């Protein structure tokens, strides 16, 4: 069951986000922490290996990756 099952979906396609992976030992920390982009898709629980909804983020610098909600925050305004 998803950690979000009792909550409203946190992000929607078109939302601007920042990746926040504070654990420096996490394998994706160095590659993605602090990156900004736009949510381009919400991948439902039943389509994800670990059964937890993911958000596909298209990065401002190019490329994309999928993240759970707890690794995403509102963007930092510049």
Protein backbone atom coordinates (compact mmCIF):
# COMPACT_ATOMS: atom_id res chain seq x y z
CA UNK A 1 0.00 0.00 0.00
CA UNK A 2 1.27 3.46 -0.87
CA UNK A 3 2.40 5.91 1.80
CA UNK A 4 0.11 8.37 0.03
CA UNK A 5 -2.98 6.17 0.17
CA UNK A 6 -4.68 8.37 2.77
CA UNK A 7 -3.47 11.63 1.27
CA UNK A 8 -4.26 13.76 -1.71
CA UNK A 9 -1.85 13.41 -4.62
CA UNK A 10 0.95 15.84 -3.86
CA UNK A 11 2.05 16.80 -7.36
CA UNK A 12 0.45 16.94 -10.80
CA UNK A 13 1.85 17.12 -14.31
CA UNK A 14 3.02 20.67 -14.97
CA UNK A 15 4.08 21.35 -11.37
CA UNK A 16 7.58 22.74 -10.88
CA UNK A 17 9.60 20.80 -8.29
CA UNK A 18 13.04 20.49 -6.71
CA UNK A 19 14.60 17.13 -5.86
CA UNK A 20 15.55 16.91 -2.18
CA UNK A 21 17.53 13.80 -1.19
CA UNK A 22 19.26 14.86 2.05
CA UNK A 23 20.81 11.44 2.72
CA UNK A 24 24.27 11.79 1.19
CA UNK A 25 24.64 7.98 1.12
CA UNK A 26 21.55 7.56 -1.10
CA UNK A 27 22.66 6.39 -4.56
CA UNK A 28 20.80 9.24 -6.30
CA UNK A 29 21.91 12.05 -3.98
CA UNK A 30 24.94 13.23 -5.96
CA UNK A 31 23.19 12.96 -9.32
CA UNK A 32 19.83 14.60 -8.51
CA UNK A 33 19.82 16.46 -5.16
CA UNK A 34 18.98 20.12 -5.74
CA UNK A 35 17.90 19.63 -9.36
CA UNK A 36 14.82 21.49 -10.60
CA UNK A 37 12.30 20.43 -13.20
CA UNK A 38 8.69 19.80 -14.09
CA UNK A 39 6.49 16.83 -13.24
CA UNK A 40 5.58 15.30 -16.60
CA UNK A 41 3.77 12.16 -15.39
CA UNK A 42 2.37 10.46 -12.33
CA UNK A 43 3.08 6.73 -12.35
CA UNK A 44 0.36 4.89 -10.38
CA UNK A 45 1.11 2.50 -7.50
CA UNK A 46 0.18 -0.57 -9.55
CA UNK A 47 2.73 0.27 -12.28
CA UNK A 48 5.73 0.67 -9.96
CA UNK A 49 7.89 -2.21 -8.70
CA UNK A 50 7.78 -1.13 -5.06
CA UNK A 51 4.04 -0.32 -5.16
CA UNK A 52 4.53 3.36 -4.37
CA UNK A 53 3.42 6.10 -6.73
CA UNK A 54 6.26 7.89 -8.51
CA UNK A 55 6.51 11.27 -10.16
CA UNK A 56 8.45 11.57 -13.42
CA UNK A 57 10.46 14.80 -13.44
CA UNK A 58 11.81 16.36 -16.64
CA UNK A 59 14.90 18.31 -15.55
CA UNK A 60 15.71 21.84 -16.64
CA UNK A 61 19.18 20.57 -17.59
CA UNK A 62 17.78 17.71 -19.71
CA UNK A 63 16.78 14.15 -19.03
CA UNK A 64 14.22 12.79 -16.60
CA UNK A 65 13.91 10.46 -13.62
CA UNK A 66 11.19 9.04 -11.35
CA UNK A 67 10.90 9.91 -7.64
CA UNK A 68 8.62 9.18 -4.68
CA UNK A 69 6.83 12.21 -3.24
CA UNK A 70 9.14 12.39 -0.22
CA UNK A 71 12.08 13.29 -2.51
CA UNK A 72 10.27 16.26 -4.07
CA UNK A 73 9.70 19.79 -2.79
CA UNK A 74 8.46 23.07 -4.24
CA UNK A 75 11.16 24.78 -6.30
CA UNK A 76 13.47 27.39 -4.85
CA UNK A 77 12.58 30.76 -6.35
CA UNK A 78 15.46 32.55 -8.03
